[in-house]
Amino acid sequence: MNFRYYTRREALRINVSGWVCNLSDGSVAGVFEGEEEDVETLIRWCRQGPDSAQVTELIVQPEEYRGEFQSFSIRF
């Protein structure tokens, strides 16, 4: 399925920075930064994910923009 790869590809396409990683329980976590509209677009995309994904829950925790990231990466 590789949700992380497709999330990174989508984030780069819409100019969102941050990271995404797999957790030990099989879920995926991430941090997104960018223009509010672009981040919201990526969140909407994550609700469905790529065709092979089965998203059952999405938890969003808004935070203050910190400008920490210059690109979007996959963390291991």
PDB file of N, CA and C in Angstrom:
ATOM      1  N   MET A   1       0.833  -1.189   0.000  1.00  0.00           N
ATOM      2  CA  MET A   1       0.000   0.000   0.000  1.00  0.00           C
ATOM      3  C   MET A   1       0.875   1.251   0.000  1.00  0.00           C
ATOM      4  N   ASN A   2       1.838   1.362   0.901  1.00  0.00           N
ATOM      5  CA  ASN A   2       2.799   2.455   0.984  1.00  0.00           C
ATOM      6  C   ASN A   2       2.147   3.832   1.106  1.00  0.00           C
ATOM      7  N   PHE A   3       1.321   3.980   2.093  1.00  0.00           N
ATOM      8  CA  PHE A   3       0.627   5.241   2.363  1.00  0.00           C
ATOM      9  C   PHE A   3       1.613   6.399   2.490  1.00  0.00           C
ATOM     10  N   ARG A   4       2.765   6.138   3.116  1.00  0.00           N
ATOM     11  CA  ARG A   4       3.758   7.203   3.318  1.00  0.00           C
ATOM     12  C   ARG A   4       4.250   7.767   1.995  1.00  0.00           C
ATOM     13  N   TYR A   5       4.579   6.894   1.062  1.00  0.00           N
ATOM     14  CA  TYR A   5       5.085   7.329  -0.232  1.00  0.00           C
ATOM     15  C   TYR A   5       4.070   8.227  -0.940  1.00  0.00           C
ATOM     16  N   TYR A   6       2.829   7.794  -0.983  1.00  0.00           N
ATOM     17  CA  TYR A   6       1.798   8.565  -1.673  1.00  0.00           C
ATOM     18  C   TYR A   6       1.472   9.868  -0.943  1.00  0.00           C
ATOM     19  N   THR A   7       1.553   9.853   0.383  1.00  0.00           N
ATOM     20  CA  THR A   7       1.334  11.087   1.142  1.00  0.00           C
ATOM     21  C   THR A   7       2.428  12.095   0.821  1.00  0.00           C
ATOM     22  N   ARG A   8       3.668  11.642   0.785  1.00  0.00           N
ATOM     23  CA  ARG A   8       4.783  12.536   0.444  1.00  0.00           C
ATOM     24  C   ARG A   8       4.604  13.102  -0.961  1.00  0.00           C
ATOM     25  N   ARG A   9       4.252  12.250  -1.895  1.00  0.00           N
ATOM     26  CA  ARG A   9       4.056  12.699  -3.280  1.00  0.00           C
ATOM     27  C   ARG A   9       2.975  13.774  -3.359  1.00  0.00           C
ATOM     28  N   GLU A  10       1.867  13.550  -2.662  1.00  0.00           N
ATOM     29  CA  GLU A  10       0.776  14.528  -2.665  1.00  0.00           C
ATOM     30  C   GLU A  10       1.209  15.821  -1.975  1.00  0.00           C
ATOM     31  N   ALA A  11       1.918  15.716  -0.854  1.00  0.00           N
ATOM     32  CA  ALA A  11       2.390  16.900  -0.129  1.00  0.00           C
ATOM     33  C   ALA A  11       3.307  17.744  -1.008  1.00  0.00           C
ATOM     34  N   LEU A  12       4.234  17.115  -1.699  1.00  0.00           N
ATOM     35  CA  LEU A  12       5.139  17.856  -2.580  1.00  0.00           C
ATOM     36  C   LEU A  12       4.372  18.509  -3.722  1.00  0.00           C
ATOM     37  N   ARG A  13       3.360  17.824  -4.219  1.00  0.00           N
ATOM     38  CA  ARG A  13       2.557  18.362  -5.330  1.00  0.00           C
ATOM     39  C   ARG A  13       1.849  19.651  -4.934  1.00  0.00           C
ATOM     40  N   ILE A  14       1.395  19.734  -3.674  1.00  0.00           N
ATOM     41  CA  ILE A  14       0.631  20.913  -3.249  1.00  0.00           C
ATOM     42  C   ILE A  14       1.435  21.844  -2.340  1.00  0.00           C
ATOM     43  N   ASN A  15       2.762  21.614  -2.273  1.00  0.00           N
ATOM     44  CA  ASN A  15       3.669  22.515  -1.555  1.00  0.00           C
ATOM     45  C   ASN A  15       3.452  22.523  -0.041  1.00  0.00           C
ATOM     46  N   VAL A  16       3.281  21.351   0.538  1.00  0.00           N
ATOM     47  CA  VAL A  16       3.192  21.204   1.994  1.00  0.00           C
ATOM     48  C   VAL A  16       4.480  20.537   2.463  1.00  0.00           C
ATOM     49  N   SER A  17       5.044  21.021   3.550  1.00  0.00           N
ATOM     50  CA  SER A  17       6.252  20.418   4.111  1.00  0.00           C
ATOM     51  C   SER A  17       5.901  19.653   5.381  1.00  0.00           C
ATOM     52  N   GLY A  18       6.862  18.872   5.886  1.00  0.00           N
ATOM     53  CA  GLY A  18       6.646  18.101   7.104  1.00  0.00           C
ATOM     54  C   GLY A  18       7.197  16.706   6.974  1.00  0.00           C
ATOM     55  N   TRP A  19       6.540  15.754   7.605  1.00  0.00           N
ATOM     56  CA  TRP A  19       6.990  14.362   7.559  1.00  0.00           C
ATOM     57  C   TRP A  19       5.824  13.412   7.799  1.00  0.00           C
ATOM     58  N   VAL A  20       6.075  12.139   7.490  1.00  0.00           N
ATOM     59  CA  VAL A  20       5.114  11.066   7.723  1.00  0.00           C
ATOM     60  C   VAL A  20       5.904   9.810   8.094  1.00  0.00           C
ATOM     61  N   CYS A  21       5.341   8.982   8.985  1.00  0.00           N
ATOM     62  CA  CYS A  21       6.027   7.744   9.381  1.00  0.00           C
ATOM     63  C   CYS A  21       5.010   6.677   9.771  1.00  0.00           C
ATOM     64  N   ASN A  22       5.453   5.425   9.705  1.00  0.00           N
ATOM     65  CA  ASN A  22       4.651   4.304  10.202  1.00  0.00           C
ATOM     66  C   ASN A  22       4.884   4.157  11.693  1.00  0.00           C
ATOM     67  N   LEU A  23       3.848   3.814  12.425  1.00  0.00           N
ATOM     68  CA  LEU A  23       3.966   3.518  13.848  1.00  0.00           C
ATOM     69  C   LEU A  23       3.951   2.008  14.055  1.00  0.00           C
ATOM     70  N   SER A  24       4.384   1.571  15.211  1.00  0.00           N
ATOM     71  CA  SER A  24       4.503   0.132  15.471  1.00  0.00           C
ATOM     72  C   SER A  24       3.166  -0.605  15.420  1.00  0.00           C
ATOM     73  N   ASP A  25       2.060   0.112  15.631  1.00  0.00           N
ATOM     74  CA  ASP A  25       0.742  -0.536  15.588  1.00  0.00           C
ATOM     75  C   ASP A  25       0.157  -0.607  14.176  1.00  0.00           C
ATOM     76  N   GLY A  26       0.938  -0.166  13.176  1.00  0.00           N
ATOM     77  CA  GLY A  26       0.480  -0.213  11.796  1.00  0.00           C
ATOM     78  C   GLY A  26      -0.173   1.063  11.315  1.00  0.00           C
ATOM     79  N   SER A  27      -0.388   2.010  12.203  1.00  0.00           N
ATOM     80  CA  SER A  27      -0.974   3.286  11.796  1.00  0.00           C
ATOM     81  C   SER A  27       0.125   4.216  11.274  1.00  0.00           C
ATOM     82  N   VAL A  28      -0.289   5.352  10.766  1.00  0.00           N
ATOM     83  CA  VAL A  28       0.625   6.329  10.191  1.00  0.00           C
ATOM     84  C   VAL A  28       0.459   7.642  10.936  1.00  0.00           C
ATOM     85  N   ALA A  29       1.573   8.317  11.210  1.00  0.00           N
ATOM     86  CA  ALA A  29       1.552   9.632  11.852  1.00  0.00           C
ATOM     87  C   ALA A  29       2.275  10.621  10.951  1.00  0.00           C
ATOM     88  N   GLY A  30       1.933  11.889  11.098  1.00  0.00           N
ATOM     89  CA  GLY A  30       2.610  12.899  10.299  1.00  0.00           C
ATOM     90  C   GLY A  30       2.440  14.282  10.868  1.00  0.00           C
ATOM     91  N   VAL A  31       3.274  15.180  10.389  1.00  0.00           N
ATOM     92  CA  VAL A  31       3.202  16.600  10.713  1.00  0.00           C
ATOM     93  C   VAL A  31       3.224  17.342   9.387  1.00  0.00           C
ATOM     94  N   PHE A  32       2.268  18.250   9.206  1.00  0.00           N
ATOM     95  CA  PHE A  32       2.151  18.999   7.957  1.00  0.00           C
ATOM     96  C   PHE A  32       2.289  20.489   8.239  1.00  0.00           C
ATOM     97  N   GLU A  33       3.049  21.202   7.399  1.00  0.00           N
ATOM     98  CA  GLU A  33       3.177  22.657   7.489  1.00  0.00           C
ATOM     99  C   GLU A  33       2.987  23.270   6.115  1.00  0.00           C
ATOM    100  N   GLY A  34       2.399  24.447   6.102  1.00  0.00           N
ATOM    101  CA  GLY A  34       2.222  25.166   4.854  1.00  0.00           C
ATOM    102  C   GLY A  34       1.065  26.130   4.971  1.00  0.00           C
ATOM    103  N   GLU A  35       0.657  26.648   3.838  1.00  0.00           N
ATOM    104  CA  GLU A  35      -0.512  27.513   3.809  1.00  0.00           C
ATOM    105  C   GLU A  35      -1.712  26.713   4.306  1.00  0.00           C
ATOM    106  N   GLU A  36      -2.567  27.356   5.078  1.00  0.00           N
ATOM    107  CA  GLU A  36      -3.696  26.656   5.695  1.00  0.00           C
ATOM    108  C   GLU A  36      -4.526  25.889   4.673  1.00  0.00           C
ATOM    109  N   GLU A  37      -4.814  26.513   3.548  1.00  0.00           N
ATOM    110  CA  GLU A  37      -5.625  25.863   2.513  1.00  0.00           C
ATOM    111  C   GLU A  37      -4.927  24.613   1.967  1.00  0.00           C
ATOM    112  N   ASP A  38      -3.609  24.687   1.789  1.00  0.00           N
ATOM    113  CA  ASP A  38      -2.854  23.539   1.279  1.00  0.00           C
ATOM    114  C   ASP A  38      -2.824  22.401   2.297  1.00  0.00           C
ATOM    115  N   VAL A  39      -2.637  22.744   3.565  1.00  0.00           N
ATOM    116  CA  VAL A  39      -2.642  21.721   4.615  1.00  0.00           C
ATOM    117  C   VAL A  39      -4.016  21.060   4.687  1.00  0.00           C
ATOM    118  N   GLU A  40      -5.076  21.852   4.596  1.00  0.00           N
ATOM    119  CA  GLU A  40      -6.433  21.288   4.606  1.00  0.00           C
ATOM    120  C   GLU A  40      -6.651  20.359   3.415  1.00  0.00           C
ATOM    121  N   THR A  41      -6.097  20.720   2.265  1.00  0.00           N
ATOM    122  CA  THR A  41      -6.196  19.862   1.083  1.00  0.00           C
ATOM    123  C   THR A  41      -5.516  18.526   1.331  1.00  0.00           C
ATOM    124  N   LEU A  42      -4.336  18.553   1.950  1.00  0.00           N
ATOM    125  CA  LEU A  42      -3.628  17.306   2.245  1.00  0.00           C
ATOM    126  C   LEU A  42      -4.384  16.474   3.283  1.00  0.00           C
ATOM    127  N   ILE A  43      -4.964  17.117   4.260  1.00  0.00           N
ATOM    128  CA  ILE A  43      -5.760  16.392   5.259  1.00  0.00           C
ATOM    129  C   ILE A  43      -6.951  15.707   4.586  1.00  0.00           C
ATOM    130  N   ARG A  44      -7.635  16.423   3.691  1.00  0.00           N
ATOM    131  CA  ARG A  44      -8.756  15.807   2.961  1.00  0.00           C
ATOM    132  C   ARG A  44      -8.275  14.604   2.154  1.00  0.00           C
ATOM    133  N   TRP A  45      -7.117  14.746   1.508  1.00  0.00           N
ATOM    134  CA  TRP A  45      -6.566  13.634   0.744  1.00  0.00           C
ATOM    135  C   TRP A  45      -6.296  12.440   1.666  1.00  0.00           C
ATOM    136  N   CYS A  46      -5.742  12.695   2.846  1.00  0.00           N
ATOM    137  CA  CYS A  46      -5.415  11.621   3.796  1.00  0.00           C
ATOM    138  C   CYS A  46      -6.657  10.886   4.281  1.00  0.00           C
ATOM    139  N   ARG A  47      -7.788  11.554   4.299  1.00  0.00           N
ATOM    140  CA  ARG A  47      -9.023  10.886   4.731  1.00  0.00           C
ATOM    141  C   ARG A  47      -9.366   9.724   3.802  1.00  0.00           C
ATOM    142  N   GLN A  48      -8.954   9.804   2.549  1.00  0.00           N
ATOM    143  CA  GLN A  48      -9.190   8.722   1.588  1.00  0.00           C
ATOM    144  C   GLN A  48      -7.919   7.947   1.309  1.00  0.00           C
ATOM    145  N   GLY A  49      -6.806   8.651   1.156  1.00  0.00           N
ATOM    146  CA  GLY A  49      -5.532   8.014   0.846  1.00  0.00           C
ATOM    147  C   GLY A  49      -5.497   7.496  -0.575  1.00  0.00           C
ATOM    148  N   PRO A  50      -4.444   6.754  -0.911  1.00  0.00           N
ATOM    149  CA  PRO A  50      -4.356   6.167  -2.249  1.00  0.00           C
ATOM    150  C   PRO A  50      -5.391   5.054  -2.407  1.00  0.00           C
ATOM    151  N   ASP A  51      -5.578   4.615  -3.637  1.00  0.00           N
ATOM    152  CA  ASP A  51      -6.598   3.603  -3.928  1.00  0.00           C
ATOM    153  C   ASP A  51      -6.463   2.349  -3.073  1.00  0.00           C
ATOM    154  N   SER A  52      -5.245   1.953  -2.773  1.00  0.00           N
ATOM    155  CA  SER A  52      -5.027   0.707  -2.032  1.00  0.00           C
ATOM    156  C   SER A  52      -5.181   0.856  -0.518  1.00  0.00           C
ATOM    157  N   ALA A  53      -5.423   2.070  -0.037  1.00  0.00           N
ATOM    158  CA  ALA A  53      -5.502   2.318   1.409  1.00  0.00           C
ATOM    159  C   ALA A  53      -6.904   2.076   1.951  1.00  0.00           C
ATOM    160  N   GLN A  54      -6.940   1.761   3.224  1.00  0.00           N
ATOM    161  CA  GLN A  54      -8.210   1.650   3.938  1.00  0.00           C
ATOM    162  C   GLN A  54      -8.087   2.514   5.199  1.00  0.00           C
ATOM    163  N   VAL A  55      -8.501   3.772   5.086  1.00  0.00           N
ATOM    164  CA  VAL A  55      -8.408   4.711   6.202  1.00  0.00           C
ATOM    165  C   VAL A  55      -9.640   4.533   7.079  1.00  0.00           C
ATOM    166  N   THR A  56      -9.424   4.206   8.344  1.00  0.00           N
ATOM    167  CA  THR A  56     -10.542   4.000   9.265  1.00  0.00           C
ATOM    168  C   THR A  56     -10.709   5.158  10.239  1.00  0.00           C
ATOM    169  N   GLU A  57      -9.653   5.924  10.448  1.00  0.00           N
ATOM    170  CA  GLU A  57      -9.727   7.047  11.386  1.00  0.00           C
ATOM    171  C   GLU A  57      -8.628   8.044  11.049  1.00  0.00           C
ATOM    172  N   LEU A  58      -8.942   9.319  11.191  1.00  0.00           N
ATOM    173  CA  LEU A  58      -7.951  10.380  11.005  1.00  0.00           C
ATOM    174  C   LEU A  58      -8.106  11.358  12.153  1.00  0.00           C
ATOM    175  N   ILE A  59      -7.053  11.525  12.915  1.00  0.00           N
ATOM    176  CA  ILE A  59      -7.062  12.451  14.049  1.00  0.00           C
ATOM    177  C   ILE A  59      -6.189  13.642  13.679  1.00  0.00           C
ATOM    178  N   VAL A  60      -6.749  14.834  13.755  1.00  0.00           N
ATOM    179  CA  VAL A  60      -6.024  16.060  13.419  1.00  0.00           C
ATOM    180  C   VAL A  60      -5.872  16.888  14.683  1.00  0.00           C
ATOM    181  N   GLN A  61      -4.652  17.324  14.950  1.00  0.00           N
ATOM    182  CA  GLN A  61      -4.367  18.175  16.104  1.00  0.00           C
ATOM    183  C   GLN A  61      -3.692  19.448  15.606  1.00  0.00           C
ATOM    184  N   PRO A  62      -4.464  20.508  15.365  1.00  0.00           N
ATOM    185  CA  PRO A  62      -3.875  21.763  14.886  1.00  0.00           C
ATOM    186  C   PRO A  62      -2.878  22.337  15.900  1.00  0.00           C
ATOM    187  N   GLU A  63      -1.803  22.912  15.378  1.00  0.00           N
ATOM    188  CA  GLU A  63      -0.787  23.559  16.198  1.00  0.00           C
ATOM    189  C   GLU A  63      -0.378  24.870  15.542  1.00  0.00           C
ATOM    190  N   GLU A  64       0.322  25.701  16.299  1.00  0.00           N
ATOM    191  CA  GLU A  64       0.873  26.941  15.759  1.00  0.00           C
ATOM    192  C   GLU A  64       1.896  26.612  14.676  1.00  0.00           C
ATOM    193  N   TYR A  65       1.912  27.413  13.632  1.00  0.00           N
ATOM    194  CA  TYR A  65       2.918  27.262  12.580  1.00  0.00           C
ATOM    195  C   TYR A  65       4.289  27.595  13.158  1.00  0.00           C
ATOM    196  N   ARG A  66       5.259  26.721  12.928  1.00  0.00           N
ATOM    197  CA  ARG A  66       6.610  26.923  13.460  1.00  0.00           C
ATOM    198  C   ARG A  66       7.663  27.114  12.378  1.00  0.00           C
ATOM    199  N   GLY A  67       7.343  26.772  11.154  1.00  0.00           N
ATOM    200  CA  GLY A  67       8.318  26.908  10.074  1.00  0.00           C
ATOM    201  C   GLY A  67       9.512  25.981  10.223  1.00  0.00           C
ATOM    202  N   GLU A  68       9.291  24.798  10.757  1.00  0.00           N
ATOM    203  CA  GLU A  68      10.379  23.850  11.036  1.00  0.00           C
ATOM    204  C   GLU A  68      10.901  23.121   9.800  1.00  0.00           C
ATOM    205  N   PHE A  69      10.084  22.961   8.785  1.00  0.00           N
ATOM    206  CA  PHE A  69      10.417  22.049   7.696  1.00  0.00           C
ATOM    207  C   PHE A  69      10.576  22.786   6.370  1.00  0.00           C
ATOM    208  N   GLN A  70      11.572  22.350   5.594  1.00  0.00           N
ATOM    209  CA  GLN A  70      11.820  22.925   4.275  1.00  0.00           C
ATOM    210  C   GLN A  70      11.301  22.025   3.159  1.00  0.00           C
ATOM    211  N   SER A  71      11.048  20.760   3.485  1.00  0.00           N
ATOM    212  CA  SER A  71      10.563  19.803   2.493  1.00  0.00           C
ATOM    213  C   SER A  71       9.669  18.786   3.202  1.00  0.00           C
ATOM    214  N   PHE A  72       9.301  17.746   2.498  1.00  0.00           N
ATOM    215  CA  PHE A  72       8.462  16.705   3.091  1.00  0.00           C
ATOM    216  C   PHE A  72       9.224  15.396   3.036  1.00  0.00           C
ATOM    217  N   SER A  73       9.333  14.715   4.174  1.00  0.00           N
ATOM    218  CA  SER A  73      10.139  13.496   4.226  1.00  0.00           C
ATOM    219  C   SER A  73       9.352  12.321   4.795  1.00  0.00           C
ATOM    220  N   ILE A  74       9.872  11.145   4.520  1.00  0.00           N
ATOM    221  CA  ILE A  74       9.375   9.914   5.120  1.00  0.00           C
ATOM    222  C   ILE A  74      10.353   9.553   6.219  1.00  0.00           C
ATOM    223  N   ARG A  75       9.848   9.418   7.420  1.00  0.00           N
ATOM    224  CA  ARG A  75      10.701   9.047   8.554  1.00  0.00           C
ATOM    225  C   ARG A  75      10.563   7.560   8.827  1.00  0.00           C
ATOM    226  N   PHE A  76      11.633   6.995   9.331  1.00  0.00           N
ATOM    227  CA  PHE A  76      11.660   5.556   9.634  1.00  0.00           C
ATOM    228  C   PHE A  76      11.903   5.329  11.102  1.00  0.00           C
TER     229      PHE A  76
END
